[in-house]
């Protein structure tokens, strides 16, 4: 280890996952009828399928990871229902071998200064490193009268602490409204926590003295929780890269994990986009709100939701800006407000590198899924502007987005977030404020 011109070179204290995916393929499947779609869903446990994307309608495709030992039999069943099949990813392990590690130690790209924490933003950090980053921001002397306060939302199933940081501008209005942003609900979506960390860095330091960021922080305090599901995230970095759920030990079926984004206690229903099977990646839990990771968010938003104008939960992949409802195709009464504010974000995203994000309700643009956090935030906690964000890409890498794409992905979304917040505030309070 040595230091040269403010750059610290480190050996990343991480290794490739024990679980390998040699020969695993991601197939794109176009079914002919809704009954065929149901048949494919029913094959999940039989062939240990991993659904990467579900269709929005009969004429839309689904993307499914399948292992080599099940590939031939699965293809025979697809042939029997006359489904069209193509290969999206030929060998999942190839992508992992090139790109997928978590860093256990901070990677410094420059000396810490008044305009930077010094941490690299193009690294997938481990759980412990993420906690260390939040602690460092809370202890730092920040520019522009910014203050950072570290808070605890609760603990995970395995006892890991779940932290949140509040960023506030001293000297601005004392009764400012608030925005809540979380990431890492699904363990394998590594670009989600990385993007929230990027947002923390930009809001805390505003390195380019962006006037729009100053305006946002004069209007809002921003609360950011980068890693809601630390157990699953840690497991995805050490043992099973494509793990999705938390790590609950389910006594029924001797299978682990609950899909936290099917577990929130608003219109909870495993039949709608979830599962009653503990072995399914979409297991909704034994009861609504059963998981401590879910309860951390539920308890906080129920106690404080009336102070928040917006809730954004960051996921990947698909490039979508989605609003409720997820449990039904019906739209909320204020859907035009939600849609217009999201369009501002979409347009700002496109202005950076031309990436196109789809805007619409979760059920109508993605698929029906009850028990999502955005539905709870709006319907349970009463937060008007509640969204699920699906970051890059559209399937070339899927959940294995290379670390080299963290900054472009995070920057374009951050630009979209700033534009969204401006539109939201103006609609609620007018350009001159409250």
Protein backbone atom coordinates (compact mmCIF):
# COMPACT_ATOMS: atom_id res chain seq x y z
CA UNK A 1 0.00 0.00 0.00
CA UNK A 2 1.30 3.46 -0.83
CA UNK A 3 0.11 6.99 -1.34
CA UNK A 4 0.88 8.98 -4.46
CA UNK A 5 -0.53 12.47 -5.17
CA UNK A 6 -3.44 11.98 -2.85
CA UNK A 7 -4.53 8.64 -4.33
CA UNK A 8 -4.68 5.62 -2.07
CA UNK A 9 -4.25 2.29 -3.80
CA UNK A 10 -5.79 -0.59 -1.88
CA UNK A 11 -6.24 -4.28 -2.18
CA UNK A 12 -9.97 -4.89 -2.24
CA UNK A 13 -10.77 -7.19 0.67
CA UNK A 14 -13.44 -9.13 -1.19
CA UNK A 15 -13.70 -12.28 -3.18
CA UNK A 16 -15.94 -13.74 -5.81
CA UNK A 17 -19.06 -15.39 -4.53
CA UNK A 18 -19.01 -19.08 -3.60
CA UNK A 19 -22.10 -19.65 -5.75
CA UNK A 20 -21.11 -19.63 -9.42
CA UNK A 21 -23.29 -19.15 -12.46
CA UNK A 22 -21.30 -20.90 -15.18
CA UNK A 23 -23.61 -21.72 -18.07
CA UNK A 24 -26.56 -19.86 -16.55
CA UNK A 25 -28.46 -18.02 -19.26
CA UNK A 26 -30.94 -15.14 -19.16
CA UNK A 27 -33.73 -15.89 -21.63
CA UNK A 28 -36.23 -13.44 -23.08
CA UNK A 29 -39.58 -15.17 -23.42
CA UNK A 30 -42.66 -13.95 -25.26
CA UNK A 31 -45.72 -15.97 -24.34
CA UNK A 32 -48.89 -16.12 -26.41
CA UNK A 33 -51.62 -15.99 -23.76
CA UNK A 34 -52.10 -15.09 -20.11
CA UNK A 35 -52.60 -18.76 -19.30
CA UNK A 36 -49.13 -19.47 -20.71
CA UNK A 37 -47.65 -16.76 -18.49
CA UNK A 38 -49.21 -18.41 -15.45
CA UNK A 39 -47.76 -21.77 -16.52
CA UNK A 40 -44.28 -20.24 -16.68
CA UNK A 41 -44.68 -18.68 -13.24
CA UNK A 42 -45.68 -22.08 -11.88
CA UNK A 43 -42.38 -23.51 -13.15
CA UNK A 44 -40.33 -21.26 -10.81
CA UNK A 45 -39.59 -23.81 -8.11
CA UNK A 46 -39.54 -26.82 -10.43
CA UNK A 47 -36.69 -25.37 -12.49
CA UNK A 48 -35.32 -22.91 -9.91
CA UNK A 49 -36.10 -20.01 -12.22
CA UNK A 50 -35.03 -16.47 -11.39
CA UNK A 51 -37.42 -13.92 -12.89
CA UNK A 52 -35.46 -10.80 -13.85
CA UNK A 53 -38.35 -9.06 -15.58
CA UNK A 54 -42.05 -9.84 -15.68
CA UNK A 55 -44.30 -8.72 -18.54
CA UNK A 56 -46.65 -5.75 -18.38
CA UNK A 57 -49.20 -7.35 -20.74
CA UNK A 58 -49.71 -10.38 -22.97
CA UNK A 59 -47.62 -8.98 -25.83
CA UNK A 60 -44.70 -8.07 -23.56
CA UNK A 61 -41.74 -10.30 -22.83
CA UNK A 62 -40.33 -11.70 -19.61
CA UNK A 63 -36.65 -12.30 -18.76
CA UNK A 64 -35.68 -15.38 -16.80
CA UNK A 65 -32.36 -16.79 -15.56
CA UNK A 66 -32.11 -20.57 -15.83
CA UNK A 67 -29.28 -22.91 -14.84
CA UNK A 68 -27.71 -25.33 -17.35
CA UNK A 69 -29.04 -28.41 -15.53
CA UNK A 70 -32.64 -27.20 -16.03
CA UNK A 71 -32.26 -25.47 -19.38
CA UNK A 72 -33.21 -28.33 -21.71
CA UNK A 73 -36.33 -29.36 -19.80
CA UNK A 74 -37.44 -25.77 -19.39
CA UNK A 75 -37.02 -25.10 -23.11
CA UNK A 76 -39.12 -28.20 -23.90
CA UNK A 77 -41.95 -26.84 -21.79
CA UNK A 78 -41.69 -23.46 -23.46
CA UNK A 79 -41.81 -25.16 -26.84
CA UNK A 80 -44.97 -26.98 -25.79
CA UNK A 81 -46.77 -23.67 -25.20
CA UNK A 82 -45.30 -22.20 -28.41
CA UNK A 83 -43.44 -19.39 -26.63
CA UNK A 84 -40.83 -17.38 -28.52
CA UNK A 85 -37.43 -17.61 -26.82
CA UNK A 86 -34.16 -15.73 -27.34
CA UNK A 87 -30.99 -15.47 -25.25
CA UNK A 88 -30.29 -12.13 -23.58
CA UNK A 89 -27.17 -13.16 -21.60
CA UNK A 90 -25.25 -16.22 -22.77
CA UNK A 91 -23.24 -16.84 -19.60
CA UNK A 92 -24.05 -14.95 -16.40
CA UNK A 93 -20.73 -15.89 -14.79
CA UNK A 94 -18.75 -14.08 -17.49
CA UNK A 95 -20.19 -10.75 -16.33
CA UNK A 96 -19.53 -11.55 -12.68
CA UNK A 97 -15.93 -12.55 -13.30
CA UNK A 98 -15.26 -9.17 -14.87
CA UNK A 99 -17.20 -6.79 -12.68
CA UNK A 100 -18.66 -8.09 -9.43
CA UNK A 101 -16.81 -7.46 -6.15
CA UNK A 102 -17.61 -5.51 -3.01
CA UNK A 103 -14.90 -3.38 -1.43
CA UNK A 104 -14.34 -3.77 2.31
CA UNK A 105 -12.15 -0.67 2.56
CA UNK A 106 -12.59 2.91 1.38
CA UNK A 107 -11.04 3.67 -1.98
CA UNK A 108 -9.79 7.26 -1.97
CA UNK A 109 -9.70 9.01 -5.32
CA UNK A 110 -8.47 12.31 -3.87
CA UNK A 111 -7.77 13.91 -0.53
CA UNK A 112 -10.77 14.85 1.52
CA UNK A 113 -11.44 18.56 1.16
CA UNK A 114 -14.16 21.13 1.64
CA UNK A 115 -15.77 19.81 -1.54
CA UNK A 116 -15.31 16.05 -1.28
CA UNK A 117 -15.29 13.22 1.23
CA UNK A 118 -12.40 11.70 -0.71
CA UNK A 119 -14.22 8.38 -1.16
CA UNK A 120 -14.49 6.97 -4.67
CA UNK A 121 -18.02 6.90 -5.99
CA UNK A 122 -17.41 4.24 -8.64
CA UNK A 123 -17.02 1.34 -6.20
CA UNK A 124 -19.48 -1.19 -4.82
CA UNK A 125 -18.85 -0.97 -1.08
CA UNK A 126 -19.56 -3.61 1.53
CA UNK A 127 -22.08 -3.10 4.31
CA UNK A 128 -19.40 -2.13 6.83
CA UNK A 129 -17.83 0.34 4.40
CA UNK A 130 -21.21 1.96 3.77
CA UNK A 131 -21.66 2.46 7.52
CA UNK A 132 -18.17 3.93 7.70
CA UNK A 133 -18.98 6.32 4.88
CA UNK A 134 -22.13 7.56 6.63
CA UNK A 135 -20.18 8.01 9.86
CA UNK A 136 -17.48 9.96 8.04
CA UNK A 137 -20.03 12.31 6.44
CA UNK A 138 -21.73 12.92 9.80
CA UNK A 139 -18.36 13.76 11.39
CA UNK A 140 -17.11 15.98 8.55
CA UNK A 141 -17.11 19.77 8.40
CA UNK A 142 -19.32 20.37 5.38
CA UNK A 143 -19.39 23.44 3.13
CA UNK A 144 -22.34 25.75 2.44
CA UNK A 145 -23.66 25.59 6.03
CA UNK A 146 -24.60 21.95 5.52
CA UNK A 147 -25.09 19.65 8.49
CA UNK A 148 -25.28 15.86 8.48
CA UNK A 149 -26.94 13.88 11.24
CA UNK A 150 -26.68 10.11 11.53
CA UNK A 151 -29.82 8.31 12.66
CA UNK A 152 -30.73 4.67 13.24
CA UNK A 153 -33.84 3.23 11.63
CA UNK A 154 -33.49 -0.11 13.42
CA UNK A 155 -31.81 -3.46 12.93
CA UNK A 156 -32.10 -6.29 10.42
CA UNK A 157 -33.18 -9.89 10.93
CA UNK A 158 -29.57 -10.90 11.62
CA UNK A 159 -28.99 -7.90 13.88
CA UNK A 160 -27.18 -5.47 11.57
CA UNK A 161 -27.88 -1.81 12.20
CA UNK A 162 -29.72 0.13 9.48
CA UNK A 163 -28.53 3.75 9.30
CA UNK A 164 -29.98 6.87 7.74
CA UNK A 165 -28.39 10.27 7.27
CA UNK A 166 -30.22 13.59 7.42
CA UNK A 167 -28.79 16.40 5.31
CA UNK A 168 -29.91 19.90 6.21
CA UNK A 169 -28.79 23.42 5.42
CA UNK A 170 -28.29 25.54 8.52
CA UNK A 171 -29.84 28.98 8.40
CA UNK A 172 -32.65 28.00 6.02
CA UNK A 173 -36.27 27.84 7.07
CA UNK A 174 -36.79 25.98 10.34
CA UNK A 175 -40.04 24.37 9.18
CA UNK A 176 -38.77 22.92 5.93
CA UNK A 177 -40.53 19.96 4.41
CA UNK A 178 -38.67 16.69 3.94
CA UNK A 179 -37.79 14.05 1.34
CA UNK A 180 -37.06 10.39 2.15
CA UNK A 181 -34.86 8.23 -0.11
CA UNK A 182 -33.92 4.61 0.46
CA UNK A 183 -31.91 1.97 -1.38
CA UNK A 184 -30.89 -1.64 -1.17
CA UNK A 185 -34.28 -3.21 -0.45
CA UNK A 186 -33.38 -5.95 -2.94
CA UNK A 187 -29.97 -7.41 -2.12
CA UNK A 188 -28.63 -8.00 -5.64
CA UNK A 189 -29.37 -4.49 -6.92
CA UNK A 190 -25.95 -3.14 -5.97
CA UNK A 191 -26.22 0.05 -8.02
CA UNK A 192 -29.05 1.16 -5.72
CA UNK A 193 -26.96 1.75 -2.54
CA UNK A 194 -24.14 3.10 -4.72
CA UNK A 195 -26.50 5.67 -6.23
CA UNK A 196 -27.81 6.77 -2.82
CA UNK A 197 -24.19 7.23 -1.68
CA UNK A 198 -23.55 9.38 -4.75
CA UNK A 199 -26.60 11.48 -3.87
CA UNK A 200 -25.35 11.93 -0.30
CA UNK A 201 -21.98 13.11 -1.60
CA UNK A 202 -23.51 15.62 -4.04
CA UNK A 203 -25.96 17.03 -1.51
CA UNK A 204 -23.42 17.21 1.31
CA UNK A 205 -20.61 18.83 -0.70
CA UNK A 206 -22.18 20.27 -3.87
CA UNK A 207 -18.69 20.17 -5.43
CA UNK A 208 -19.60 22.30 -8.45
CA UNK A 209 -21.63 24.81 -6.45
CA UNK A 210 -24.74 23.96 -8.43
CA UNK A 211 -27.39 26.61 -7.78
CA UNK A 212 -30.20 24.08 -8.24
CA UNK A 213 -28.81 21.94 -5.41
CA UNK A 214 -28.60 25.00 -3.16
CA UNK A 215 -32.21 25.83 -3.99
CA UNK A 216 -33.32 22.28 -3.20
CA UNK A 217 -31.57 22.32 0.17
CA UNK A 218 -33.02 25.71 1.03
CA UNK A 219 -36.43 24.12 0.55
CA UNK A 220 -35.99 20.59 1.87
CA UNK A 221 -34.18 18.46 4.40
CA UNK A 222 -33.24 15.18 2.74
CA UNK A 223 -33.12 11.83 4.57
CA UNK A 224 -31.19 9.04 2.85
CA UNK A 225 -30.93 5.38 3.90
CA UNK A 226 -28.63 3.65 1.39
CA UNK A 227 -29.00 0.06 2.59
CA UNK A 228 -32.32 -1.19 3.95
CA UNK A 229 -31.50 -4.90 3.55
CA UNK A 230 -27.93 -5.30 4.88
CA UNK A 231 -28.19 -9.05 5.51
CA UNK A 232 -29.19 -9.86 1.95
CA UNK A 233 -26.66 -7.40 0.53
CA UNK A 234 -23.82 -8.89 2.56
CA UNK A 235 -24.86 -12.39 1.50
CA UNK A 236 -24.95 -11.34 -2.16
CA UNK A 237 -21.37 -10.14 -1.80
CA UNK A 238 -20.01 -13.22 -0.06
CA UNK A 239 -22.01 -16.25 -1.09
CA UNK A 240 -24.81 -15.81 -3.65
CA UNK A 241 -24.47 -12.80 -5.93
CA UNK A 242 -28.05 -12.88 -7.26
CA UNK A 243 -29.73 -13.16 -3.86
CA UNK A 244 -32.85 -10.92 -3.76
CA UNK A 245 -34.54 -11.29 -0.37
CA UNK A 246 -33.60 -10.73 3.25
CA UNK A 247 -32.16 -13.66 5.22
CA UNK A 248 -35.06 -14.83 7.39
CA UNK A 249 -34.88 -18.54 8.18
CA UNK A 250 -38.31 -19.77 7.12
CA UNK A 251 -39.22 -22.93 9.04
CA UNK A 252 -41.70 -23.89 6.31
CA UNK A 253 -39.76 -25.48 3.45
CA UNK A 254 -36.33 -24.87 5.03
CA UNK A 255 -35.82 -21.89 2.71
CA UNK A 256 -34.43 -18.48 3.50
CA UNK A 257 -35.66 -14.99 2.89
CA UNK A 258 -38.65 -12.73 2.32
CA UNK A 259 -39.01 -10.34 -0.61
CA UNK A 260 -39.17 -7.11 1.38
CA UNK A 261 -40.86 -5.28 -1.48
CA UNK A 262 -43.84 -7.63 -1.22
CA UNK A 263 -44.04 -7.39 2.57
CA UNK A 264 -45.27 -3.84 3.27
CA UNK A 265 -48.61 -3.67 5.12
CA UNK A 266 -50.73 -1.77 2.62
CA UNK A 267 -52.99 -3.89 0.40
CA UNK A 268 -50.63 -6.82 1.11
CA UNK A 269 -51.60 -9.82 -1.00
CA UNK A 270 -49.19 -12.60 -2.03
CA UNK A 271 -51.50 -13.52 -4.92
CA UNK A 272 -50.75 -10.18 -6.62
CA UNK A 273 -47.18 -10.43 -7.87
CA UNK A 274 -45.88 -12.22 -4.79
CA UNK A 275 -45.88 -15.77 -3.46
CA UNK A 276 -46.95 -17.82 -0.47
CA UNK A 277 -44.01 -20.17 -0.97
CA UNK A 278 -41.01 -19.51 1.33
CA UNK A 279 -38.72 -20.94 -1.37
CA UNK A 280 -39.86 -18.43 -3.98
CA UNK A 281 -37.80 -15.31 -4.70
CA UNK A 282 -41.12 -13.43 -4.47
CA UNK A 283 -42.17 -14.78 -1.06
CA UNK A 284 -44.33 -12.07 0.50
CA UNK A 285 -43.78 -13.17 4.09
CA UNK A 286 -46.03 -15.01 6.49
CA UNK A 287 -47.93 -11.84 7.40
CA UNK A 288 -47.91 -8.19 6.23
CA UNK A 289 -45.03 -6.19 7.70
CA UNK A 290 -43.53 -9.30 9.27
CA UNK A 291 -39.89 -8.42 8.57
CA UNK A 292 -37.77 -6.14 10.77
CA UNK A 293 -36.34 -4.41 7.69
CA UNK A 294 -39.88 -3.60 6.56
CA UNK A 295 -40.88 -2.50 10.05
CA UNK A 296 -37.94 -0.08 10.18
CA UNK A 297 -39.41 1.92 7.31
CA UNK A 298 -43.04 1.44 8.32
CA UNK A 299 -42.49 2.66 11.87
CA UNK A 300 -40.46 5.68 10.79
CA UNK A 301 -42.87 6.79 8.06
CA UNK A 302 -45.95 6.24 10.20
CA UNK A 303 -44.43 8.42 12.91
CA UNK A 304 -43.11 11.11 10.57
CA UNK A 305 -44.85 10.76 7.22
CA UNK A 306 -46.85 13.97 7.60
CA UNK A 307 -43.55 15.91 7.45
CA UNK A 308 -42.53 14.45 4.08
CA UNK A 309 -43.51 15.59 0.60
CA UNK A 310 -41.77 12.74 -1.21
CA UNK A 311 -40.63 9.15 -0.81
CA UNK A 312 -38.32 7.58 -3.40
CA UNK A 313 -37.11 3.97 -3.24
CA UNK A 314 -34.19 3.19 -5.55
CA UNK A 315 -34.05 -0.16 -7.39
CA UNK A 316 -32.67 -1.67 -10.58
CA UNK A 317 -33.06 -2.46 -13.43
CA UNK A 318 -35.31 -1.27 -16.29
CA UNK A 319 -34.96 2.55 -16.43
CA UNK A 320 -38.38 3.46 -15.04
CA UNK A 321 -39.83 6.17 -12.80
CA UNK A 322 -42.91 4.50 -11.31
CA UNK A 323 -45.68 5.73 -9.03
CA UNK A 324 -48.49 3.85 -7.23
CA UNK A 325 -50.41 1.77 -7.38
CA UNK A 326 -48.63 -1.56 -7.56
CA UNK A 327 -51.52 -3.67 -6.28
CA UNK A 328 -54.04 -2.52 -8.89
CA UNK A 329 -54.17 -0.99 -12.35
CA UNK A 330 -56.38 1.79 -10.96
CA UNK A 331 -54.61 5.13 -10.62
CA UNK A 332 -54.46 7.40 -7.55
CA UNK A 333 -56.69 10.45 -7.77
CA UNK A 334 -53.65 12.75 -8.01
CA UNK A 335 -51.83 10.64 -10.61
CA UNK A 336 -51.44 13.61 -12.98
CA UNK A 337 -49.42 15.47 -10.31
CA UNK A 338 -47.20 12.44 -9.78
CA UNK A 339 -46.79 11.91 -13.51
CA UNK A 340 -45.88 15.52 -14.30
CA UNK A 341 -43.26 15.74 -11.54
CA UNK A 342 -41.72 12.44 -12.69
CA UNK A 343 -41.63 13.73 -16.29
CA UNK A 344 -39.38 16.56 -15.13
CA UNK A 345 -37.03 13.95 -13.72
CA UNK A 346 -37.19 11.85 -16.88
CA UNK A 347 -36.31 14.85 -19.08
CA UNK A 348 -33.34 15.82 -16.91
CA UNK A 349 -32.07 12.23 -17.02
CA UNK A 350 -32.24 12.21 -20.82
CA UNK A 351 -30.35 15.51 -21.02
CA UNK A 352 -27.19 13.93 -19.56
CA UNK A 353 -26.42 10.96 -21.80
CA UNK A 354 -29.69 10.42 -23.60
CA UNK A 355 -30.97 7.58 -21.43
CA UNK A 356 -34.72 7.09 -21.70
CA UNK A 357 -36.77 6.35 -18.59
CA UNK A 358 -40.39 5.21 -18.72
CA UNK A 359 -42.87 7.08 -16.50
CA UNK A 360 -46.13 5.58 -15.29
CA UNK A 361 -47.84 3.58 -12.57
CA UNK A 362 -46.16 0.40 -11.32
CA UNK A 363 -48.93 -1.97 -12.41
CA UNK A 364 -49.47 -0.40 -15.81
CA UNK A 365 -45.82 0.03 -16.76
CA UNK A 366 -44.05 -2.80 -14.89
CA UNK A 367 -46.31 -5.48 -13.38
CA UNK A 368 -48.81 -5.87 -10.57
CA UNK A 369 -47.16 -6.44 -7.21
CA UNK A 370 -48.83 -5.84 -3.86
CA UNK A 371 -46.92 -5.00 -0.69
CA UNK A 372 -44.46 -2.50 -2.22
CA UNK A 373 -42.85 0.28 -0.21
CA UNK A 374 -44.07 3.09 -2.48
CA UNK A 375 -47.68 1.93 -2.16
CA UNK A 376 -47.26 1.92 1.61
CA UNK A 377 -45.60 5.34 1.65
CA UNK A 378 -48.50 6.86 -0.25
CA UNK A 379 -51.46 4.80 0.92
CA UNK A 380 -50.29 4.01 4.46
CA UNK A 381 -48.14 6.97 5.48
CA UNK A 382 -49.86 9.60 3.31
CA UNK A 383 -46.79 10.84 1.40
CA UNK A 384 -48.12 12.35 -1.80
CA UNK A 385 -45.14 12.01 -4.15
CA UNK A 386 -44.13 8.36 -3.69
CA UNK A 387 -42.12 6.48 -6.32
CA UNK A 388 -40.10 3.42 -7.20
CA UNK A 389 -37.09 4.21 -9.39
CA UNK A 390 -35.65 1.44 -11.57
CA UNK A 391 -32.13 2.50 -12.59
CA UNK A 392 -30.00 1.29 -15.53
CA UNK A 393 -29.87 -0.78 -17.59
CA UNK A 394 -32.46 -2.49 -19.84
CA UNK A 395 -31.03 -5.99 -19.72
CA UNK A 396 -27.51 -6.10 -21.16
CA UNK A 397 -26.08 -6.44 -17.64
CA UNK A 398 -29.27 -6.62 -15.60
CA UNK A 399 -28.46 -6.79 -11.89
CA UNK A 400 -24.73 -6.98 -12.60
CA UNK A 401 -24.12 -3.42 -13.75
CA UNK A 402 -20.35 -2.83 -13.99
CA UNK A 403 -18.85 -0.49 -11.40
CA UNK A 404 -17.66 1.70 -14.29
CA UNK A 405 -21.31 2.61 -14.89
CA UNK A 406 -22.12 3.61 -11.30
CA UNK A 407 -21.29 7.29 -11.76
CA UNK A 408 -23.12 7.78 -15.10
CA UNK A 409 -26.16 5.96 -13.67
CA UNK A 410 -26.09 7.89 -10.40
CA UNK A 411 -25.38 11.27 -11.98
CA UNK A 412 -28.24 11.10 -14.46
CA UNK A 413 -30.66 10.07 -11.74
CA UNK A 414 -29.40 12.77 -9.38
CA UNK A 415 -29.97 15.36 -12.12
CA UNK A 416 -33.46 13.94 -12.51
CA UNK A 417 -34.07 14.06 -8.78
CA UNK A 418 -33.10 17.75 -8.55
CA UNK A 419 -35.42 18.63 -11.44
CA UNK A 420 -38.22 16.52 -9.95
CA UNK A 421 -37.89 18.22 -6.55
CA UNK A 422 -38.13 21.65 -8.17
CA UNK A 423 -41.31 20.74 -10.06
CA UNK A 424 -42.84 19.14 -6.97
CA UNK A 425 -42.10 22.12 -4.75
CA UNK A 426 -43.40 24.62 -7.30
CA UNK A 427 -46.63 22.68 -7.70
CA UNK A 428 -47.14 22.43 -3.94
CA UNK A 429 -46.04 25.89 -2.83
CA UNK A 430 -45.50 28.09 -5.86
CA UNK A 431 -42.18 29.42 -7.14
CA UNK A 432 -41.84 31.82 -4.19
CA UNK A 433 -42.26 29.07 -1.62
CA UNK A 434 -44.56 28.65 1.34
